[in-house]
Structures are given as C-alpha cells and as structure tokens.
C-alpha cells in the first residue's frame, strides 16, 4: 500500500526528474567534446560548437589514429590497466583474506593491519620512490607504472570488511568437507565476493587508466608514455611536437578538435567497461557497511 500512495508517486516523479537532470550534467560535456572533435577548424576555434558538429569532418580522428605515438600509448595504457587490475586484485584478495580472521585464528593480525594502515597514512615520498624505481632498473618499463601501486591498502581494508560480513558457517562447512584455506578462498569467498571484486576492479581500472604523473617521471622515452601522460603533454602543456603531425596538416584542422578527439578516445574504454560491471556496482558500494 505504501508504494501506491500519492506522496510516494510524487516523490518518485521528482526523484526521476532530479536524477535525469544530474545525468544530463554528466553527459552533456562529453557530447560537447564529441561534437567539437567532429567539427571543422573555423567553428571549433571560434567556440561556435555546442552539442552538434558544425562542418562535419573526421580529420581529427584520422590524424589521431594515424599517429604512431598515440596508438602506442593507447596500447601501453590498455596493457597497464589490465595487468595492474589483475595483479592488484590478486594481491588484495590474498592479503585481505587472512586479515579478515579473528585474533584466535591469526595471531598478530592487529599488528599487520596497523602496519598497512601506517603505509596508508605515510609514504616514502617522491624522491625516495624515484630512486627506488631507478635502483631496481625499472625506469622506462611498464612495471614502473604497475608495481608501486600494486597493493592498495584502501582496497584491502574494504575487502577484508566484506569478507568479515560473510557467514562464518560457510567457512566452517568448507573446512569440514576437507578444504584448506586456499580452496576456501577460491571456491567460497571469491564467488560470494564478486560485487566487491567488481567494484574495486572498476576503481583500480579508472585510476590506472587516468594516472599520468608516474608516466611523466618514470618514462624518459615518449614511446613509453601511457595515454594519460601523452594527453597531459599535448593538452595541458600544448606541446604538439609529441604527436608528429605535419605542420601543413594543422592548417586544415584545429588543435582544439584534435585535443577533443583524443580526450574522447581516452575516456571511451572506461565508458565501455562500466556497463558490464554496473550490475555489481550498487551492491559493491556497501562494502563493509554492515558488520556484526
């Protein structure tokens, strides 16, 4: 009866209108960038483009995909994102599982947790991190982008709280059936934790895909730049020498259209991945929110 009242119907209508307005605020900037990327030089440079291309042309995308540095950085970002997500979640699961046990099962658990929390609050600093990567011989390699942030303490805390919210009877039943710790983790905990894993994987993917600063300091070769670092060089520093575009071609296309095309291409992979993880996302947002 509650869902049939007039007050609830009015609230639902107002809620849908409000959420629709917020959705438009998020989508319209992306539509504007897409329209600029397909527009010709004159209207794009004159800020005449709003949400529909003027003088439709695909020259910006032709120059972008015809640039070897851009395509190479796109592949590096994809490789980095996949490897960092897989390795990161693997380490998070192996760390969060034992830390989710009580002190009787895992002596010294509290000390280990405080050790991880300490690293969350205090870091070694930029210069020691750079020197460490240099001494390990990881400069100009993809591992310099992956290994420093492979173990996310924040993800470990969220994951262990999710594990602690699972019924202990499932673990006891698994032990009674003869399963060990690794089998219990892989066959019981991980399948039940897919919403949390999907949510944390999405967070990791977005962070790795958008991270640009580490590429700027650990990579001295432009051919080793991830996409975010290359875009930062082109868009923020306005350095078009990095994309190897013939100056004669810049007479026919606007720098703004090229930048818009590259921004849209850079955002597209995450936009394509999100719908597949969205069904887990709502449940995953309450990770660790309810505990006994």
C-alpha atoms as a PDB file:
ATOM      1  CA  UNK A   1       0.000   0.000   0.000  1.00  0.00           C
ATOM      2  CA  UNK A   2       2.914   2.346   0.705  1.00  0.00           C
ATOM      3  CA  UNK A   3       4.049   2.231  -2.936  1.00  0.00           C
ATOM      4  CA  UNK A   4       0.550   3.194  -4.170  1.00  0.00           C
ATOM      5  CA  UNK A   5       0.165   6.398  -2.174  1.00  0.00           C
ATOM      6  CA  UNK A   6       0.071   9.750  -3.949  1.00  0.00           C
ATOM      7  CA  UNK A   7       3.006  11.041  -1.878  1.00  0.00           C
ATOM      8  CA  UNK A   8       5.229   8.165  -2.995  1.00  0.00           C
ATOM      9  CA  UNK A   9       4.271   8.685  -6.648  1.00  0.00           C
ATOM     10  CA  UNK A  10       5.064  12.399  -6.443  1.00  0.00           C
ATOM     11  CA  UNK A  11       8.360  11.624  -4.740  1.00  0.00           C
ATOM     12  CA  UNK A  12       9.234   9.118  -7.491  1.00  0.00           C
ATOM     13  CA  UNK A  13       8.469  11.645 -10.227  1.00  0.00           C
ATOM     14  CA  UNK A  14      10.549  14.353  -8.532  1.00  0.00           C
ATOM     15  CA  UNK A  15      13.352  11.856  -7.933  1.00  0.00           C
ATOM     16  CA  UNK A  16      13.422  10.786 -11.591  1.00  0.00           C
ATOM     17  CA  UNK A  17      13.453  14.412 -12.747  1.00  0.00           C
ATOM     18  CA  UNK A  18      16.294  15.288 -10.375  1.00  0.00           C
ATOM     19  CA  UNK A  19      18.380  12.228 -11.343  1.00  0.00           C
ATOM     20  CA  UNK A  20      17.713  12.895 -15.015  1.00  0.00           C
ATOM     21  CA  UNK A  21      18.965  16.456 -14.600  1.00  0.00           C
ATOM     22  CA  UNK A  22      22.141  15.215 -12.885  1.00  0.00           C
ATOM     23  CA  UNK A  23      22.646  12.676 -15.674  1.00  0.00           C
ATOM     24  CA  UNK A  24      22.418  15.431 -18.267  1.00  0.00           C
ATOM     25  CA  UNK A  25      25.022  17.468 -16.389  1.00  0.00           C
ATOM     26  CA  UNK A  26      27.378  14.487 -16.627  1.00  0.00           C
ATOM     27  CA  UNK A  27      26.618  13.559 -20.245  1.00  0.00           C
ATOM     28  CA  UNK A  28      26.455  16.982 -21.920  1.00  0.00           C
ATOM     29  CA  UNK A  29      30.184  17.814 -21.502  1.00  0.00           C
ATOM     30  CA  UNK A  30      31.057  14.513 -23.171  1.00  0.00           C
ATOM     31  CA  UNK A  31      28.599  15.205 -26.003  1.00  0.00           C
ATOM     32  CA  UNK A  32      30.135  18.656 -26.434  1.00  0.00           C
ATOM     33  CA  UNK A  33      33.649  17.199 -26.702  1.00  0.00           C
ATOM     34  CA  UNK A  34      32.406  14.656 -29.235  1.00  0.00           C
ATOM     35  CA  UNK A  35      30.740  17.406 -31.291  1.00  0.00           C
ATOM     36  CA  UNK A  36      33.911  19.514 -31.261  1.00  0.00           C
ATOM     37  CA  UNK A  37      36.014  16.556 -32.376  1.00  0.00           C
ATOM     38  CA  UNK A  38      33.811  16.106 -35.472  1.00  0.00           C
ATOM     39  CA  UNK A  39      33.670  19.816 -36.336  1.00  0.00           C
ATOM     40  CA  UNK A  40      35.759  21.717 -38.866  1.00  0.00           C
ATOM     41  CA  UNK A  41      38.508  24.125 -37.897  1.00  0.00           C
ATOM     42  CA  UNK A  42      36.693  27.511 -38.099  1.00  0.00           C
ATOM     43  CA  UNK A  43      33.646  26.820 -35.870  1.00  0.00           C
ATOM     44  CA  UNK A  44      35.701  24.792 -33.355  1.00  0.00           C
ATOM     45  CA  UNK A  45      38.298  27.553 -32.989  1.00  0.00           C
ATOM     46  CA  UNK A  46      35.539  30.180 -32.708  1.00  0.00           C
ATOM     47  CA  UNK A  47      33.722  28.297 -29.916  1.00  0.00           C
ATOM     48  CA  UNK A  48      30.583  28.020 -32.044  1.00  0.00           C
ATOM     49  CA  UNK A  49      30.092  24.288 -31.461  1.00  0.00           C
ATOM     50  CA  UNK A  50      27.674  23.261 -28.718  1.00  0.00           C
ATOM     51  CA  UNK A  51      26.186  19.755 -28.872  1.00  0.00           C
ATOM     52  CA  UNK A  52      26.140  19.142 -32.631  1.00  0.00           C
ATOM     53  CA  UNK A  53      29.083  19.162 -35.067  1.00  0.00           C
ATOM     54  CA  UNK A  54      29.427  22.113 -37.444  1.00  0.00           C
ATOM     55  CA  UNK A  55      31.141  21.343 -40.735  1.00  0.00           C
ATOM     56  CA  UNK A  56      31.300  17.599 -40.057  1.00  0.00           C
ATOM     57  CA  UNK A  57      34.752  16.145 -40.625  1.00  0.00           C
ATOM     58  CA  UNK A  58      36.769  13.209 -39.320  1.00  0.00           C
ATOM     59  CA  UNK A  59      40.171  14.777 -39.951  1.00  0.00           C
ATOM     60  CA  UNK A  60      40.951  14.955 -36.233  1.00  0.00           C
ATOM     61  CA  UNK A  61      40.402  11.205 -35.825  1.00  0.00           C
ATOM     62  CA  UNK A  62      42.386  10.444 -38.974  1.00  0.00           C
ATOM     63  CA  UNK A  63      45.346  12.419 -37.637  1.00  0.00           C
ATOM     64  CA  UNK A  64      44.970  10.856 -34.191  1.00  0.00           C
ATOM     65  CA  UNK A  65      44.809   7.239 -35.349  1.00  0.00           C
ATOM     66  CA  UNK A  66      47.481   7.922 -37.929  1.00  0.00           C
ATOM     67  CA  UNK A  67      49.877   8.940 -35.168  1.00  0.00           C
ATOM     68  CA  UNK A  68      52.145   6.068 -34.093  1.00  0.00           C
ATOM     69  CA  UNK A  69      52.912   7.628 -30.685  1.00  0.00           C
ATOM     70  CA  UNK A  70      49.225   7.947 -29.818  1.00  0.00           C
ATOM     71  CA  UNK A  71      48.390   4.369 -30.817  1.00  0.00           C
ATOM     72  CA  UNK A  72      51.416   3.057 -28.944  1.00  0.00           C
ATOM     73  CA  UNK A  73      50.453   4.961 -25.789  1.00  0.00           C
ATOM     74  CA  UNK A  74      46.906   3.631 -26.124  1.00  0.00           C
ATOM     75  CA  UNK A  75      48.210   0.051 -26.160  1.00  0.00           C
ATOM     76  CA  UNK A  76      50.520   0.749 -23.206  1.00  0.00           C
ATOM     77  CA  UNK A  77      47.607   2.136 -21.174  1.00  0.00           C
ATOM     78  CA  UNK A  78      45.486  -0.886 -22.015  1.00  0.00           C
ATOM     79  CA  UNK A  79      48.268  -3.284 -21.041  1.00  0.00           C
ATOM     80  CA  UNK A  80      48.956  -1.328 -17.885  1.00  0.00           C
ATOM     81  CA  UNK A  81      45.307  -1.254 -16.839  1.00  0.00           C
ATOM     82  CA  UNK A  82      44.749  -4.977 -17.377  1.00  0.00           C
ATOM     83  CA  UNK A  83      47.972  -6.082 -15.661  1.00  0.00           C
ATOM     84  CA  UNK A  84      47.582  -3.667 -12.745  1.00  0.00           C
ATOM     85  CA  UNK A  85      43.965  -4.697 -12.145  1.00  0.00           C
ATOM     86  CA  UNK A  86      44.666  -8.444 -12.273  1.00  0.00           C
ATOM     87  CA  UNK A  87      47.835  -8.268 -10.163  1.00  0.00           C
ATOM     88  CA  UNK A  88      46.346  -5.744  -7.751  1.00  0.00           C
ATOM     89  CA  UNK A  89      43.152  -7.708  -7.087  1.00  0.00           C
ATOM     90  CA  UNK A  90      45.132 -10.945  -6.727  1.00  0.00           C
ATOM     91  CA  UNK A  91      47.333  -9.376  -4.037  1.00  0.00           C
ATOM     92  CA  UNK A  92      44.367  -7.662  -2.364  1.00  0.00           C
ATOM     93  CA  UNK A  93      42.470 -10.957  -2.060  1.00  0.00           C
ATOM     94  CA  UNK A  94      45.497 -12.821  -0.703  1.00  0.00           C
ATOM     95  CA  UNK A  95      46.105 -10.076   1.857  1.00  0.00           C
ATOM     96  CA  UNK A  96      42.517  -9.324   2.887  1.00  0.00           C
ATOM     97  CA  UNK A  97      41.542 -12.973   3.466  1.00  0.00           C
ATOM     98  CA  UNK A  98      43.911 -13.706   6.387  1.00  0.00           C
ATOM     99  CA  UNK A  99      43.432 -10.217   7.824  1.00  0.00           C
ATOM    100  CA  UNK A 100      39.670 -10.817   7.933  1.00  0.00           C
ATOM    101  CA  UNK A 101      40.125 -13.614  10.511  1.00  0.00           C
ATOM    102  CA  UNK A 102      39.855 -13.008  14.222  1.00  0.00           C
ATOM    103  CA  UNK A 103      42.865 -12.939  16.542  1.00  0.00           C
ATOM    104  CA  UNK A 104      42.355 -16.550  17.598  1.00  0.00           C
ATOM    105  CA  UNK A 105      42.833 -17.837  14.042  1.00  0.00           C
ATOM    106  CA  UNK A 106      45.546 -15.350  13.041  1.00  0.00           C
ATOM    107  CA  UNK A 107      47.797 -14.215  15.857  1.00  0.00           C
ATOM    108  CA  UNK A 108      49.320 -10.808  15.306  1.00  0.00           C
ATOM    109  CA  UNK A 109      46.523  -9.793  12.966  1.00  0.00           C
ATOM    110  CA  UNK A 110      46.141  -6.368  14.573  1.00  0.00           C
ATOM    111  CA  UNK A 111      49.851  -5.620  14.205  1.00  0.00           C
ATOM    112  CA  UNK A 112      49.731  -6.434  10.491  1.00  0.00           C
ATOM    113  CA  UNK A 113      46.651  -4.266   9.998  1.00  0.00           C
ATOM    114  CA  UNK A 114      48.320  -1.318  11.726  1.00  0.00           C
ATOM    115  CA  UNK A 115      51.378  -1.863   9.560  1.00  0.00           C
ATOM    116  CA  UNK A 116      49.250  -1.496   6.425  1.00  0.00           C
ATOM    117  CA  UNK A 117      47.353   1.475   7.870  1.00  0.00           C
ATOM    118  CA  UNK A 118      50.664   3.195   8.591  1.00  0.00           C
ATOM    119  CA  UNK A 119      51.642   2.920   4.921  1.00  0.00           C
ATOM    120  CA  UNK A 120      48.258   4.397   4.030  1.00  0.00           C
ATOM    121  CA  UNK A 121      48.908   7.469   6.161  1.00  0.00           C
ATOM    122  CA  UNK A 122      52.622   7.958   5.443  1.00  0.00           C
ATOM    123  CA  UNK A 123      54.523   7.359   2.222  1.00  0.00           C
ATOM    124  CA  UNK A 124      58.228   7.334   1.413  1.00  0.00           C
ATOM    125  CA  UNK A 125      57.955  10.484  -0.680  1.00  0.00           C
ATOM    126  CA  UNK A 126      58.519  11.258  -4.325  1.00  0.00           C
ATOM    127  CA  UNK A 127      62.323  11.348  -4.366  1.00  0.00           C
ATOM    128  CA  UNK A 128      62.865   8.050  -2.450  1.00  0.00           C
ATOM    129  CA  UNK A 129      60.241   6.395  -4.676  1.00  0.00           C
ATOM    130  CA  UNK A 130      62.011   7.632  -7.793  1.00  0.00           C
ATOM    131  CA  UNK A 131      65.395   6.451  -6.512  1.00  0.00           C
ATOM    132  CA  UNK A 132      63.953   3.045  -5.635  1.00  0.00           C
ATOM    133  CA  UNK A 133      62.491   2.571  -9.124  1.00  0.00           C
ATOM    134  CA  UNK A 134      65.796   3.706 -10.613  1.00  0.00           C
ATOM    135  CA  UNK A 135      67.914   1.353  -8.484  1.00  0.00           C
ATOM    136  CA  UNK A 136      65.635  -1.573  -9.306  1.00  0.00           C
ATOM    137  CA  UNK A 137      66.189  -0.945 -13.011  1.00  0.00           C
ATOM    138  CA  UNK A 138      62.501  -0.350 -13.715  1.00  0.00           C
ATOM    139  CA  UNK A 139      62.832   3.018 -15.446  1.00  0.00           C
ATOM    140  CA  UNK A 140      61.184   3.133 -18.885  1.00  0.00           C
ATOM    141  CA  UNK A 141      59.405  -0.185 -18.234  1.00  0.00           C
ATOM    142  CA  UNK A 142      55.726  -0.838 -17.699  1.00  0.00           C
ATOM    143  CA  UNK A 143      56.478  -2.329 -14.276  1.00  0.00           C
ATOM    144  CA  UNK A 144      57.416   1.133 -13.008  1.00  0.00           C
ATOM    145  CA  UNK A 145      53.761   2.050 -13.575  1.00  0.00           C
ATOM    146  CA  UNK A 146      52.297  -1.112 -12.048  1.00  0.00           C
ATOM    147  CA  UNK A 147      54.372  -2.312  -9.085  1.00  0.00           C
ATOM    148  CA  UNK A 148      54.479   0.856  -6.903  1.00  0.00           C
ATOM    149  CA  UNK A 149      50.686   0.855  -6.547  1.00  0.00           C
ATOM    150  CA  UNK A 150      50.055  -2.868  -6.880  1.00  0.00           C
ATOM    151  CA  UNK A 151      48.946  -3.293  -3.251  1.00  0.00           C
ATOM    152  CA  UNK A 152      46.186  -0.822  -2.457  1.00  0.00           C
ATOM    153  CA  UNK A 153      45.744  -0.600   1.315  1.00  0.00           C
ATOM    154  CA  UNK A 154      42.378   1.091   0.907  1.00  0.00           C
ATOM    155  CA  UNK A 155      41.128  -1.808  -1.230  1.00  0.00           C
ATOM    156  CA  UNK A 156      42.495  -4.282   1.332  1.00  0.00           C
ATOM    157  CA  UNK A 157      40.530  -2.614   4.141  1.00  0.00           C
ATOM    158  CA  UNK A 158      37.325  -2.618   2.110  1.00  0.00           C
ATOM    159  CA  UNK A 159      37.819  -6.217   1.035  1.00  0.00           C
ATOM    160  CA  UNK A 160      38.568  -7.575   4.494  1.00  0.00           C
ATOM    161  CA  UNK A 161      35.455  -5.866   5.867  1.00  0.00           C
ATOM    162  CA  UNK A 162      33.417  -7.519   3.129  1.00  0.00           C
ATOM    163  CA  UNK A 163      34.957 -10.894   3.994  1.00  0.00           C
ATOM    164  CA  UNK A 164      34.118 -10.371   7.668  1.00  0.00           C
ATOM    165  CA  UNK A 165      30.487  -9.803   6.717  1.00  0.00           C
ATOM    166  CA  UNK A 166      30.169 -13.255   5.127  1.00  0.00           C
ATOM    167  CA  UNK A 167      28.649 -16.038   7.276  1.00  0.00           C
ATOM    168  CA  UNK A 168      31.304 -17.957   9.184  1.00  0.00           C
ATOM    169  CA  UNK A 169      29.224 -21.107   8.831  1.00  0.00           C
ATOM    170  CA  UNK A 170      30.224 -21.290   5.152  1.00  0.00           C
ATOM    171  CA  UNK A 171      33.893 -21.369   6.083  1.00  0.00           C
ATOM    172  CA  UNK A 172      33.298 -23.983   8.793  1.00  0.00           C
ATOM    173  CA  UNK A 173      31.364 -26.150   6.340  1.00  0.00           C
ATOM    174  CA  UNK A 174      34.203 -25.867   3.842  1.00  0.00           C
ATOM    175  CA  UNK A 175      36.731 -26.986   6.462  1.00  0.00           C
ATOM    176  CA  UNK A 176      34.511 -29.915   7.440  1.00  0.00           C
ATOM    177  CA  UNK A 177      34.487 -31.025   3.805  1.00  0.00           C
ATOM    178  CA  UNK A 178      38.282 -31.149   3.868  1.00  0.00           C
ATOM    179  CA  UNK A 179      39.049 -27.885   2.092  1.00  0.00           C
ATOM    180  CA  UNK A 180      42.081 -25.849   3.089  1.00  0.00           C
ATOM    181  CA  UNK A 181      42.472 -22.100   3.307  1.00  0.00           C
ATOM    182  CA  UNK A 182      43.317 -21.558  -0.371  1.00  0.00           C
ATOM    183  CA  UNK A 183      40.448 -23.751  -1.537  1.00  0.00           C
ATOM    184  CA  UNK A 184      38.041 -21.997   0.813  1.00  0.00           C
ATOM    185  CA  UNK A 185      39.165 -18.641  -0.536  1.00  0.00           C
ATOM    186  CA  UNK A 186      38.878 -19.643  -4.196  1.00  0.00           C
ATOM    187  CA  UNK A 187      35.676 -21.706  -4.026  1.00  0.00           C
ATOM    188  CA  UNK A 188      33.704 -19.989  -1.250  1.00  0.00           C
ATOM    189  CA  UNK A 189      34.868 -16.437  -0.568  1.00  0.00           C
ATOM    190  CA  UNK A 190      35.720 -15.231  -4.069  1.00  0.00           C
ATOM    191  CA  UNK A 191      32.423 -16.334  -5.728  1.00  0.00           C
ATOM    192  CA  UNK A 192      30.436 -14.675  -2.919  1.00  0.00           C
ATOM    193  CA  UNK A 193      32.539 -11.510  -3.161  1.00  0.00           C
ATOM    194  CA  UNK A 194      32.063 -10.784  -6.868  1.00  0.00           C
ATOM    195  CA  UNK A 195      30.186  -7.493  -6.222  1.00  0.00           C
ATOM    196  CA  UNK A 196      33.078  -6.224  -4.092  1.00  0.00           C
ATOM    197  CA  UNK A 197      35.702  -7.521  -6.516  1.00  0.00           C
ATOM    198  CA  UNK A 198      33.936  -5.928  -9.491  1.00  0.00           C
ATOM    199  CA  UNK A 199      33.618  -2.587  -7.698  1.00  0.00           C
ATOM    200  CA  UNK A 200      37.240  -2.478  -6.554  1.00  0.00           C
ATOM    201  CA  UNK A 201      38.379  -3.628 -10.005  1.00  0.00           C
ATOM    202  CA  UNK A 202      36.484  -0.738 -11.559  1.00  0.00           C
ATOM    203  CA  UNK A 203      38.099   1.727  -9.152  1.00  0.00           C
ATOM    204  CA  UNK A 204      41.528   0.270  -9.960  1.00  0.00           C
ATOM    205  CA  UNK A 205      40.928   0.400 -13.712  1.00  0.00           C
ATOM    206  CA  UNK A 206      39.810   4.017 -13.627  1.00  0.00           C
ATOM    207  CA  UNK A 207      42.812   5.012 -11.505  1.00  0.00           C
ATOM    208  CA  UNK A 208      45.329   3.181 -13.683  1.00  0.00           C
ATOM    209  CA  UNK A 209      43.830   4.441 -16.931  1.00  0.00           C
ATOM    210  CA  UNK A 210      43.758   8.078 -15.798  1.00  0.00           C
ATOM    211  CA  UNK A 211      47.102   8.131 -13.962  1.00  0.00           C
ATOM    212  CA  UNK A 212      49.573  10.394 -15.765  1.00  0.00           C
ATOM    213  CA  UNK A 213      52.106  11.671 -13.235  1.00  0.00           C
ATOM    214  CA  UNK A 214      54.033   8.413 -12.800  1.00  0.00           C
ATOM    215  CA  UNK A 215      54.426   8.136 -16.567  1.00  0.00           C
ATOM    216  CA  UNK A 216      55.920  11.628 -16.663  1.00  0.00           C
ATOM    217  CA  UNK A 217      58.576  10.902 -14.031  1.00  0.00           C
ATOM    218  CA  UNK A 218      59.409   7.246 -14.747  1.00  0.00           C
ATOM    219  CA  UNK A 219      59.403   7.403 -18.559  1.00  0.00           C
ATOM    220  CA  UNK A 220      62.009   9.443 -20.410  1.00  0.00           C
ATOM    221  CA  UNK A 221      61.090   8.000 -23.815  1.00  0.00           C
ATOM    222  CA  UNK A 222      57.918   9.394 -25.395  1.00  0.00           C
ATOM    223  CA  UNK A 223      57.289   5.987 -26.959  1.00  0.00           C
ATOM    224  CA  UNK A 224      56.862   4.512 -23.457  1.00  0.00           C
ATOM    225  CA  UNK A 225      54.297   7.082 -22.294  1.00  0.00           C
ATOM    226  CA  UNK A 226      50.850   5.796 -21.253  1.00  0.00           C
ATOM    227  CA  UNK A 227      47.924   7.572 -22.860  1.00  0.00           C
ATOM    228  CA  UNK A 228      47.147   9.829 -19.876  1.00  0.00           C
ATOM    229  CA  UNK A 229      50.747  11.095 -19.776  1.00  0.00           C
ATOM    230  CA  UNK A 230      50.759  11.736 -23.521  1.00  0.00           C
ATOM    231  CA  UNK A 231      47.456  13.611 -23.331  1.00  0.00           C
ATOM    232  CA  UNK A 232      48.764  15.682 -20.432  1.00  0.00           C
ATOM    233  CA  UNK A 233      51.763  16.658 -22.539  1.00  0.00           C
ATOM    234  CA  UNK A 234      49.654  17.544 -25.567  1.00  0.00           C
ATOM    235  CA  UNK A 235      46.612  19.137 -23.933  1.00  0.00           C
ATOM    236  CA  UNK A 236      47.989  20.797 -20.807  1.00  0.00           C
ATOM    237  CA  UNK A 237      51.487  21.684 -21.968  1.00  0.00           C
ATOM    238  CA  UNK A 238      50.287  22.431 -25.525  1.00  0.00           C
ATOM    239  CA  UNK A 239      53.238  20.501 -26.983  1.00  0.00           C
ATOM    240  CA  UNK A 240      52.150  19.252 -30.412  1.00  0.00           C
ATOM    241  CA  UNK A 241      55.649  18.068 -31.252  1.00  0.00           C
ATOM    242  CA  UNK A 242      54.837  14.854 -29.358  1.00  0.00           C
ATOM    243  CA  UNK A 243      52.208  13.716 -31.876  1.00  0.00           C
ATOM    244  CA  UNK A 244      54.315  14.038 -35.023  1.00  0.00           C
ATOM    245  CA  UNK A 245      51.697  15.948 -37.001  1.00  0.00           C
ATOM    246  CA  UNK A 246      52.883  17.684 -40.151  1.00  0.00           C
ATOM    247  CA  UNK A 247      52.555  21.487 -39.627  1.00  0.00           C
ATOM    248  CA  UNK A 248      50.899  21.712 -43.050  1.00  0.00           C
ATOM    249  CA  UNK A 249      48.094  19.465 -41.829  1.00  0.00           C
ATOM    250  CA  UNK A 250      47.449  21.764 -38.871  1.00  0.00           C
ATOM    251  CA  UNK A 251      46.276  24.386 -41.338  1.00  0.00           C
ATOM    252  CA  UNK A 252      43.206  22.252 -42.090  1.00  0.00           C
ATOM    253  CA  UNK A 253      42.407  21.033 -38.569  1.00  0.00           C
ATOM    254  CA  UNK A 254      42.134  22.857 -35.277  1.00  0.00           C
ATOM    255  CA  UNK A 255      44.274  21.942 -32.289  1.00  0.00           C
ATOM    256  CA  UNK A 256      41.062  22.019 -30.300  1.00  0.00           C
ATOM    257  CA  UNK A 257      39.421  19.358 -32.476  1.00  0.00           C
ATOM    258  CA  UNK A 258      42.469  17.105 -32.200  1.00  0.00           C
ATOM    259  CA  UNK A 259      42.535  17.502 -28.424  1.00  0.00           C
ATOM    260  CA  UNK A 260      38.781  16.826 -28.226  1.00  0.00           C
ATOM    261  CA  UNK A 261      39.176  13.664 -30.307  1.00  0.00           C
ATOM    262  CA  UNK A 262      41.989  12.419 -28.085  1.00  0.00           C
ATOM    263  CA  UNK A 263      40.071  13.195 -24.896  1.00  0.00           C
ATOM    264  CA  UNK A 264      37.039  11.291 -26.158  1.00  0.00           C
ATOM    265  CA  UNK A 265      39.140   8.309 -27.250  1.00  0.00           C
ATOM    266  CA  UNK A 266      40.856   8.311 -23.856  1.00  0.00           C
ATOM    267  CA  UNK A 267      37.519   8.238 -21.992  1.00  0.00           C
ATOM    268  CA  UNK A 268      35.843   5.680 -24.267  1.00  0.00           C
ATOM    269  CA  UNK A 269      37.356   2.425 -22.864  1.00  0.00           C
ATOM    270  CA  UNK A 270      36.140   3.126 -19.323  1.00  0.00           C
ATOM    271  CA  UNK A 271      32.704   4.098 -20.656  1.00  0.00           C
ATOM    272  CA  UNK A 272      32.521   0.766 -22.482  1.00  0.00           C
ATOM    273  CA  UNK A 273      33.631  -1.305 -19.481  1.00  0.00           C
ATOM    274  CA  UNK A 274      31.355   0.299 -16.891  1.00  0.00           C
ATOM    275  CA  UNK A 275      28.004  -1.123 -18.175  1.00  0.00           C
ATOM    276  CA  UNK A 276      29.307  -4.682 -17.763  1.00  0.00           C
ATOM    277  CA  UNK A 277      30.255  -4.036 -14.124  1.00  0.00           C
ATOM    278  CA  UNK A 278      27.266  -1.872 -13.244  1.00  0.00           C
ATOM    279  CA  UNK A 279      25.103  -4.781 -12.033  1.00  0.00           C
ATOM    280  CA  UNK A 280      27.711  -5.456  -9.339  1.00  0.00           C
ATOM    281  CA  UNK A 281      28.348  -1.812  -8.561  1.00  0.00           C
ATOM    282  CA  UNK A 282      25.254  -0.995  -6.447  1.00  0.00           C
ATOM    283  CA  UNK A 283      25.797  -3.948  -4.137  1.00  0.00           C
ATOM    284  CA  UNK A 284      29.538  -3.346  -4.064  1.00  0.00           C
ATOM    285  CA  UNK A 285      29.067   0.219  -2.853  1.00  0.00           C
ATOM    286  CA  UNK A 286      28.014  -1.100   0.575  1.00  0.00           C
ATOM    287  CA  UNK A 287      31.309  -2.967   1.073  1.00  0.00           C
ATOM    288  CA  UNK A 288      31.863  -3.376   4.759  1.00  0.00           C
ATOM    289  CA  UNK A 289      28.931  -1.097   5.626  1.00  0.00           C
ATOM    290  CA  UNK A 290      27.104  -3.741   7.694  1.00  0.00           C
ATOM    291  CA  UNK A 291      29.014  -5.768  10.256  1.00  0.00           C
ATOM    292  CA  UNK A 292      28.042  -7.766  13.288  1.00  0.00           C
END
